[in-house]
Amino acid sequence: MLVMRRRRGEAIQIGKDVEIRILSINGAKVKIGIVAPRSISVVARELELVCEANRAAAAAPFPEAVAAVTEALRRLGNP
């Protein structure tokens, strides 16, 4: 994992097509803007975890579905 310090107004470039801009910093909250081609999916990690759990639950028999959802919720609590 690469860790970088950025100030408001600064950006991080990923490849030639993706730019992450620091829009504002307010205490522990950071607002970012992401500039990327429409062909690149940009989704909050929590949302992706919930979608993964839903897909696993839909495809699995009931006991396994419960385990998949439980595991996803555990990961949301402890990223």
PDB file of N, CA and C in Angstrom:
ATOM      1  N   MET A   1       0.849  -1.166   0.000  1.00  0.00           N
ATOM      2  CA  MET A   1       0.000   0.000   0.000  1.00  0.00           C
ATOM      3  C   MET A   1       0.901   1.237   0.000  1.00  0.00           C
ATOM      4  N   LEU A   2       0.584   2.152  -0.858  1.00  0.00           N
ATOM      5  CA  LEU A   2       1.273   3.436  -0.915  1.00  0.00           C
ATOM      6  C   LEU A   2       0.502   4.428  -0.054  1.00  0.00           C
ATOM      7  N   VAL A   3       1.192   5.128   0.829  1.00  0.00           N
ATOM      8  CA  VAL A   3       0.571   6.135   1.674  1.00  0.00           C
ATOM      9  C   VAL A   3       1.160   7.489   1.290  1.00  0.00           C
ATOM     10  N   MET A   4       0.287   8.454   0.998  1.00  0.00           N
ATOM     11  CA  MET A   4       0.729   9.789   0.600  1.00  0.00           C
ATOM     12  C   MET A   4      -0.003  10.832   1.426  1.00  0.00           C
ATOM     13  N   ARG A   5       0.661  11.921   1.706  1.00  0.00           N
ATOM     14  CA  ARG A   5       0.002  13.059   2.351  1.00  0.00           C
ATOM     15  C   ARG A   5      -0.357  14.058   1.265  1.00  0.00           C
ATOM     16  N   ARG A   6      -1.568  14.561   1.322  1.00  0.00           N
ATOM     17  CA  ARG A   6      -2.035  15.554   0.358  1.00  0.00           C
ATOM     18  C   ARG A   6      -2.753  16.651   1.121  1.00  0.00           C
ATOM     19  N   ARG A   7      -2.712  17.845   0.599  1.00  0.00           N
ATOM     20  CA  ARG A   7      -3.450  18.971   1.167  1.00  0.00           C
ATOM     21  C   ARG A   7      -4.645  19.269   0.277  1.00  0.00           C
ATOM     22  N   ARG A   8      -5.568  20.072   0.805  1.00  0.00           N
ATOM     23  CA  ARG A   8      -6.726  20.497   0.019  1.00  0.00           C
ATOM     24  C   ARG A   8      -6.239  21.137  -1.277  1.00  0.00           C
ATOM     25  N   GLY A   9      -6.864  20.755  -2.380  1.00  0.00           N
ATOM     26  CA  GLY A   9      -6.499  21.288  -3.682  1.00  0.00           C
ATOM     27  C   GLY A   9      -5.456  20.466  -4.415  1.00  0.00           C
ATOM     28  N   GLU A  10      -4.788  19.544  -3.728  1.00  0.00           N
ATOM     29  CA  GLU A  10      -3.787  18.696  -4.370  1.00  0.00           C
ATOM     30  C   GLU A  10      -4.463  17.443  -4.926  1.00  0.00           C
ATOM     31  N   ALA A  11      -3.722  16.698  -5.733  1.00  0.00           N
ATOM     32  CA  ALA A  11      -4.298  15.523  -6.394  1.00  0.00           C
ATOM     33  C   ALA A  11      -3.293  14.385  -6.444  1.00  0.00           C
ATOM     34  N   ILE A  12      -3.818  13.219  -6.739  1.00  0.00           N
ATOM     35  CA  ILE A  12      -3.014  12.003  -6.956  1.00  0.00           C
ATOM     36  C   ILE A  12      -3.406  11.478  -8.319  1.00  0.00           C
ATOM     37  N   GLN A  13      -2.421  11.167  -9.141  1.00  0.00           N
ATOM     38  CA  GLN A  13      -2.662  10.632 -10.473  1.00  0.00           C
ATOM     39  C   GLN A  13      -2.417   9.123 -10.454  1.00  0.00           C
ATOM     40  N   ILE A  14      -3.360   8.357 -10.988  1.00  0.00           N
ATOM     41  CA  ILE A  14      -3.214   6.903 -11.098  1.00  0.00           C
ATOM     42  C   ILE A  14      -3.258   6.575 -12.578  1.00  0.00           C
ATOM     43  N   GLY A  15      -2.134   6.137 -13.115  1.00  0.00           N
ATOM     44  CA  GLY A  15      -2.049   5.899 -14.551  1.00  0.00           C
ATOM     45  C   GLY A  15      -2.265   7.208 -15.296  1.00  0.00           C
ATOM     46  N   LYS A  16      -2.725   7.110 -16.520  1.00  0.00           N
ATOM     47  CA  LYS A  16      -2.972   8.312 -17.317  1.00  0.00           C
ATOM     48  C   LYS A  16      -4.416   8.791 -17.215  1.00  0.00           C
ATOM     49  N   ASP A  17      -5.313   7.919 -16.733  1.00  0.00           N
ATOM     50  CA  ASP A  17      -6.744   8.196 -16.831  1.00  0.00           C
ATOM     51  C   ASP A  17      -7.460   8.530 -15.531  1.00  0.00           C
ATOM     52  N   VAL A  18      -6.839   8.285 -14.384  1.00  0.00           N
ATOM     53  CA  VAL A  18      -7.542   8.455 -13.114  1.00  0.00           C
ATOM     54  C   VAL A  18      -6.828   9.500 -12.256  1.00  0.00           C
ATOM     55  N   GLU A  19      -7.604  10.455 -11.768  1.00  0.00           N
ATOM     56  CA  GLU A  19      -7.073  11.484 -10.871  1.00  0.00           C
ATOM     57  C   GLU A  19      -7.965  11.571  -9.645  1.00  0.00           C
ATOM     58  N   ILE A  20      -7.346  11.593  -8.470  1.00  0.00           N
ATOM     59  CA  ILE A  20      -8.067  11.740  -7.211  1.00  0.00           C
ATOM     60  C   ILE A  20      -7.703  13.106  -6.648  1.00  0.00           C
ATOM     61  N   ARG A  21      -8.720  13.953  -6.459  1.00  0.00           N
ATOM     62  CA  ARG A  21      -8.508  15.316  -5.977  1.00  0.00           C
ATOM     63  C   ARG A  21      -8.998  15.445  -4.536  1.00  0.00           C
ATOM     64  N   ILE A  22      -8.221  16.117  -3.718  1.00  0.00           N
ATOM     65  CA  ILE A  22      -8.632  16.406  -2.346  1.00  0.00           C
ATOM     66  C   ILE A  22      -9.434  17.703  -2.389  1.00  0.00           C
ATOM     67  N   LEU A  23     -10.741  17.616  -2.149  1.00  0.00           N
ATOM     68  CA  LEU A  23     -11.616  18.777  -2.253  1.00  0.00           C
ATOM     69  C   LEU A  23     -11.718  19.560  -0.956  1.00  0.00           C
ATOM     70  N   SER A  24     -11.830  18.854   0.163  1.00  0.00           N
ATOM     71  CA  SER A  24     -11.901  19.530   1.452  1.00  0.00           C
ATOM     72  C   SER A  24     -11.510  18.566   2.561  1.00  0.00           C
ATOM     73  N   ILE A  25     -11.085  19.159   3.670  1.00  0.00           N
ATOM     74  CA  ILE A  25     -10.734  18.394   4.869  1.00  0.00           C
ATOM     75  C   ILE A  25     -11.409  19.092   6.033  1.00  0.00           C
ATOM     76  N   ASN A  26     -12.221  18.334   6.777  1.00  0.00           N
ATOM     77  CA  ASN A  26     -12.944  18.893   7.913  1.00  0.00           C
ATOM     78  C   ASN A  26     -12.819  17.910   9.071  1.00  0.00           C
ATOM     79  N   GLY A  27     -11.851  18.119   9.939  1.00  0.00           N
ATOM     80  CA  GLY A  27     -11.606  17.188  11.035  1.00  0.00           C
ATOM     81  C   GLY A  27     -11.156  15.843  10.489  1.00  0.00           C
ATOM     82  N   ALA A  28     -11.899  14.787  10.848  1.00  0.00           N
ATOM     83  CA  ALA A  28     -11.556  13.437  10.397  1.00  0.00           C
ATOM     84  C   ALA A  28     -12.172  13.094   9.049  1.00  0.00           C
ATOM     85  N   LYS A  29     -12.942  14.023   8.464  1.00  0.00           N
ATOM     86  CA  LYS A  29     -13.602  13.749   7.195  1.00  0.00           C
ATOM     87  C   LYS A  29     -12.847  14.406   6.048  1.00  0.00           C
ATOM     88  N   VAL A  30     -12.640  13.648   5.002  1.00  0.00           N
ATOM     89  CA  VAL A  30     -11.971  14.141   3.804  1.00  0.00           C
ATOM     90  C   VAL A  30     -12.917  13.954   2.629  1.00  0.00           C
ATOM     91  N   LYS A  31     -13.149  15.003   1.878  1.00  0.00           N
ATOM     92  CA  LYS A  31     -13.989  14.903   0.681  1.00  0.00           C
ATOM     93  C   LYS A  31     -13.059  14.830  -0.521  1.00  0.00           C
ATOM     94  N   ILE A  32     -13.236  13.770  -1.325  1.00  0.00           N
ATOM     95  CA  ILE A  32     -12.399  13.600  -2.505  1.00  0.00           C
ATOM     96  C   ILE A  32     -13.262  13.638  -3.759  1.00  0.00           C
ATOM     97  N   GLY A  33     -12.636  13.992  -4.853  1.00  0.00           N
ATOM     98  CA  GLY A  33     -13.265  13.910  -6.162  1.00  0.00           C
ATOM     99  C   GLY A  33     -12.460  12.961  -7.013  1.00  0.00           C
ATOM    100  N   ILE A  34     -13.121  12.148  -7.793  1.00  0.00           N
ATOM    101  CA  ILE A  34     -12.433  11.165  -8.637  1.00  0.00           C
ATOM    102  C   ILE A  34     -12.789  11.451 -10.083  1.00  0.00           C
ATOM    103  N   VAL A  35     -11.761  11.668 -10.885  1.00  0.00           N
ATOM    104  CA  VAL A  35     -11.938  11.881 -12.318  1.00  0.00           C
ATOM    105  C   VAL A  35     -11.439  10.617 -13.000  1.00  0.00           C
ATOM    106  N   ALA A  36     -12.347   9.918 -13.683  1.00  0.00           N
ATOM    107  CA  ALA A  36     -11.986   8.659 -14.337  1.00  0.00           C
ATOM    108  C   ALA A  36     -12.902   8.457 -15.537  1.00  0.00           C
ATOM    109  N   PRO A  37     -12.438   7.694 -16.521  1.00  0.00           N
ATOM    110  CA  PRO A  37     -13.304   7.380 -17.657  1.00  0.00           C
ATOM    111  C   PRO A  37     -14.524   6.591 -17.197  1.00  0.00           C
ATOM    112  N   ARG A  38     -15.614   6.709 -17.918  1.00  0.00           N
ATOM    113  CA  ARG A  38     -16.840   5.980 -17.561  1.00  0.00           C
ATOM    114  C   ARG A  38     -16.630   4.466 -17.591  1.00  0.00           C
ATOM    115  N   SER A  39     -15.636   4.005 -18.307  1.00  0.00           N
ATOM    116  CA  SER A  39     -15.388   2.563 -18.405  1.00  0.00           C
ATOM    117  C   SER A  39     -14.794   1.991 -17.121  1.00  0.00           C
ATOM    118  N   ILE A  40     -14.359   2.852 -16.205  1.00  0.00           N
ATOM    119  CA  ILE A  40     -13.784   2.404 -14.938  1.00  0.00           C
ATOM    120  C   ILE A  40     -14.835   2.564 -13.851  1.00  0.00           C
ATOM    121  N   SER A  41     -15.144   1.471 -13.168  1.00  0.00           N
ATOM    122  CA  SER A  41     -16.126   1.490 -12.086  1.00  0.00           C
ATOM    123  C   SER A  41     -15.492   2.110 -10.838  1.00  0.00           C
ATOM    124  N   VAL A  42     -16.170   3.097 -10.246  1.00  0.00           N
ATOM    125  CA  VAL A  42     -15.718   3.720  -9.006  1.00  0.00           C
ATOM    126  C   VAL A  42     -16.853   3.559  -8.004  1.00  0.00           C
ATOM    127  N   VAL A  43     -16.604   2.756  -6.958  1.00  0.00           N
ATOM    128  CA  VAL A  43     -17.641   2.425  -5.976  1.00  0.00           C
ATOM    129  C   VAL A  43     -17.023   2.463  -4.587  1.00  0.00           C
ATOM    130  N   ALA A  44     -17.770   2.944  -3.599  1.00  0.00           N
ATOM    131  CA  ALA A  44     -17.314   2.906  -2.208  1.00  0.00           C
ATOM    132  C   ALA A  44     -17.097   1.444  -1.799  1.00  0.00           C
ATOM    133  N   ARG A  45     -16.027   1.174  -1.075  1.00  0.00           N
ATOM    134  CA  ARG A  45     -15.677  -0.195  -0.685  1.00  0.00           C
ATOM    135  C   ARG A  45     -16.810  -0.876   0.087  1.00  0.00           C
ATOM    136  N   GLU A  46     -17.485  -0.121   0.979  1.00  0.00           N
ATOM    137  CA  GLU A  46     -18.571  -0.717   1.767  1.00  0.00           C
ATOM    138  C   GLU A  46     -19.684  -1.220   0.859  1.00  0.00           C
ATOM    139  N   LEU A  47     -19.990  -0.454  -0.179  1.00  0.00           N
ATOM    140  CA  LEU A  47     -21.036  -0.854  -1.111  1.00  0.00           C
ATOM    141  C   LEU A  47     -20.640  -2.121  -1.865  1.00  0.00           C
ATOM    142  N   GLU A  48     -19.391  -2.209  -2.260  1.00  0.00           N
ATOM    143  CA  GLU A  48     -18.919  -3.397  -2.970  1.00  0.00           C
ATOM    144  C   GLU A  48     -18.994  -4.635  -2.073  1.00  0.00           C
ATOM    145  N   LEU A  49     -18.657  -4.486  -0.787  1.00  0.00           N
ATOM    146  CA  LEU A  49     -18.748  -5.619   0.139  1.00  0.00           C
ATOM    147  C   LEU A  49     -20.189  -6.099   0.283  1.00  0.00           C
ATOM    148  N   VAL A  50     -21.127  -5.174   0.365  1.00  0.00           N
ATOM    149  CA  VAL A  50     -22.541  -5.552   0.483  1.00  0.00           C
ATOM    150  C   VAL A  50     -23.001  -6.254  -0.795  1.00  0.00           C
ATOM    151  N   CYS A  51     -22.592  -5.747  -1.951  1.00  0.00           N
ATOM    152  CA  CYS A  51     -22.966  -6.380  -3.224  1.00  0.00           C
ATOM    153  C   CYS A  51     -22.395  -7.794  -3.324  1.00  0.00           C
ATOM    154  N   GLU A  52     -21.135  -7.965  -2.903  1.00  0.00           N
ATOM    155  CA  GLU A  52     -20.520  -9.295  -2.908  1.00  0.00           C
ATOM    156  C   GLU A  52     -21.310 -10.252  -2.016  1.00  0.00           C
ATOM    157  N   ALA A  53     -21.694  -9.784  -0.825  1.00  0.00           N
ATOM    158  CA  ALA A  53     -22.457 -10.626   0.096  1.00  0.00           C
ATOM    159  C   ALA A  53     -23.813 -10.985  -0.490  1.00  0.00           C
ATOM    160  N   ASN A  54     -24.456 -10.023  -1.135  1.00  0.00           N
ATOM    161  CA  ASN A  54     -25.754 -10.306  -1.754  1.00  0.00           C
ATOM    162  C   ASN A  54     -25.634 -11.337  -2.869  1.00  0.00           C
ATOM    163  N   ARG A  55     -24.598 -11.195  -3.698  1.00  0.00           N
ATOM    164  CA  ARG A  55     -24.392 -12.172  -4.779  1.00  0.00           C
ATOM    165  C   ARG A  55     -24.122 -13.570  -4.214  1.00  0.00           C
ATOM    166  N   ALA A  56     -23.289 -13.628  -3.168  1.00  0.00           N
ATOM    167  CA  ALA A  56     -22.984 -14.926  -2.555  1.00  0.00           C
ATOM    168  C   ALA A  56     -24.233 -15.533  -1.920  1.00  0.00           C
ATOM    169  N   ALA A  57     -25.018 -14.709  -1.260  1.00  0.00           N
ATOM    170  CA  ALA A  57     -26.229 -15.204  -0.604  1.00  0.00           C
ATOM    171  C   ALA A  57     -27.242 -15.703  -1.626  1.00  0.00           C
ATOM    172  N   ALA A  58     -27.354 -15.013  -2.741  1.00  0.00           N
ATOM    173  CA  ALA A  58     -28.316 -15.417  -3.773  1.00  0.00           C
ATOM    174  C   ALA A  58     -27.921 -16.735  -4.428  1.00  0.00           C
ATOM    175  N   ALA A  59     -26.630 -17.025  -4.467  1.00  0.00           N
ATOM    176  CA  ALA A  59     -26.153 -18.219  -5.153  1.00  0.00           C
ATOM    177  C   ALA A  59     -26.002 -19.429  -4.229  1.00  0.00           C
ATOM    178  N   ALA A  60     -26.048 -19.206  -2.909  1.00  0.00           N
ATOM    179  CA  ALA A  60     -25.742 -20.289  -1.968  1.00  0.00           C
ATOM    180  C   ALA A  60     -27.003 -20.829  -1.297  1.00  0.00           C
ATOM    181  N   PRO A  61     -26.941 -22.106  -0.869  1.00  0.00           N
ATOM    182  CA  PRO A  61     -28.023 -22.639  -0.036  1.00  0.00           C
ATOM    183  C   PRO A  61     -28.112 -21.827   1.265  1.00  0.00           C
ATOM    184  N   PHE A  62     -29.232 -21.888   1.939  1.00  0.00           N
ATOM    185  CA  PHE A  62     -29.501 -21.005   3.077  1.00  0.00           C
ATOM    186  C   PHE A  62     -28.393 -20.937   4.130  1.00  0.00           C
ATOM    187  N   PRO A  63     -27.881 -22.045   4.679  1.00  0.00           N
ATOM    188  CA  PRO A  63     -26.844 -21.920   5.734  1.00  0.00           C
ATOM    189  C   PRO A  63     -25.594 -21.190   5.232  1.00  0.00           C
ATOM    190  N   GLU A  64     -25.191 -21.475   4.006  1.00  0.00           N
ATOM    191  CA  GLU A  64     -24.020 -20.811   3.446  1.00  0.00           C
ATOM    192  C   GLU A  64     -24.304 -19.336   3.174  1.00  0.00           C
ATOM    193  N   ALA A  65     -25.524 -19.018   2.795  1.00  0.00           N
ATOM    194  CA  ALA A  65     -25.909 -17.624   2.550  1.00  0.00           C
ATOM    195  C   ALA A  65     -25.812 -16.819   3.844  1.00  0.00           C
ATOM    196  N   VAL A  66     -26.293 -17.387   4.928  1.00  0.00           N
ATOM    197  CA  VAL A  66     -26.223 -16.708   6.225  1.00  0.00           C
ATOM    198  C   VAL A  66     -24.760 -16.486   6.598  1.00  0.00           C
ATOM    199  N   ALA A  67     -23.912 -17.466   6.388  1.00  0.00           N
ATOM    200  CA  ALA A  67     -22.487 -17.333   6.702  1.00  0.00           C
ATOM    201  C   ALA A  67     -21.845 -16.246   5.843  1.00  0.00           C
ATOM    202  N   ALA A  68     -22.192 -16.171   4.570  1.00  0.00           N
ATOM    203  CA  ALA A  68     -21.615 -15.162   3.673  1.00  0.00           C
ATOM    204  C   ALA A  68     -22.017 -13.763   4.101  1.00  0.00           C
ATOM    205  N   VAL A  69     -23.279 -13.575   4.447  1.00  0.00           N
ATOM    206  CA  VAL A  69     -23.745 -12.257   4.886  1.00  0.00           C
ATOM    207  C   VAL A  69     -23.107 -11.897   6.220  1.00  0.00           C
ATOM    208  N   THR A  70     -23.012 -12.835   7.137  1.00  0.00           N
ATOM    209  CA  THR A  70     -22.383 -12.595   8.433  1.00  0.00           C
ATOM    210  C   THR A  70     -20.927 -12.176   8.253  1.00  0.00           C
ATOM    211  N   GLU A  71     -20.212 -12.843   7.384  1.00  0.00           N
ATOM    212  CA  GLU A  71     -18.808 -12.514   7.122  1.00  0.00           C
ATOM    213  C   GLU A  71     -18.681 -11.116   6.520  1.00  0.00           C
ATOM    214  N   ALA A  72     -19.548 -10.762   5.586  1.00  0.00           N
ATOM    215  CA  ALA A  72     -19.506  -9.427   4.974  1.00  0.00           C
ATOM    216  C   ALA A  72     -19.777  -8.347   6.017  1.00  0.00           C
ATOM    217  N   LEU A  73     -20.746  -8.580   6.888  1.00  0.00           N
ATOM    218  CA  LEU A  73     -21.046  -7.604   7.935  1.00  0.00           C
ATOM    219  C   LEU A  73     -19.895  -7.486   8.920  1.00  0.00           C
ATOM    220  N   ARG A  74     -19.233  -8.587   9.213  1.00  0.00           N
ATOM    221  CA  ARG A  74     -18.064  -8.547  10.095  1.00  0.00           C
ATOM    222  C   ARG A  74     -16.970  -7.695   9.486  1.00  0.00           C
ATOM    223  N   ARG A  75     -16.726  -7.858   8.162  1.00  0.00           N
ATOM    224  CA  ARG A  75     -15.697  -7.073   7.483  1.00  0.00           C
ATOM    225  C   ARG A  75     -16.048  -5.594   7.458  1.00  0.00           C
ATOM    226  N   LEU A  76     -17.324  -5.267   7.355  1.00  0.00           N
ATOM    227  CA  LEU A  76     -17.729  -3.862   7.388  1.00  0.00           C
ATOM    228  C   LEU A  76     -17.416  -3.226   8.734  1.00  0.00           C
ATOM    229  N   GLY A  77     -17.550  -4.006   9.798  1.00  0.00           N
ATOM    230  CA  GLY A  77     -17.265  -3.494  11.120  1.00  0.00           C
ATOM    231  C   GLY A  77     -15.781  -3.361  11.402  1.00  0.00           C
ATOM    232  N   ASN A  78     -14.970  -4.211  10.786  1.00  0.00           N
ATOM    233  CA  ASN A  78     -13.513  -4.209  10.972  1.00  0.00           C
ATOM    234  C   ASN A  78     -12.811  -4.262   9.627  1.00  0.00           C
ATOM    235  N   PRO A  79     -12.713  -3.112   8.911  1.00  0.00           N
ATOM    236  CA  PRO A  79     -12.092  -3.144   7.575  1.00  0.00           C
ATOM    237  C   PRO A  79     -10.635  -3.530   7.622  1.00  0.00           C
TER     238      PRO A  79
END
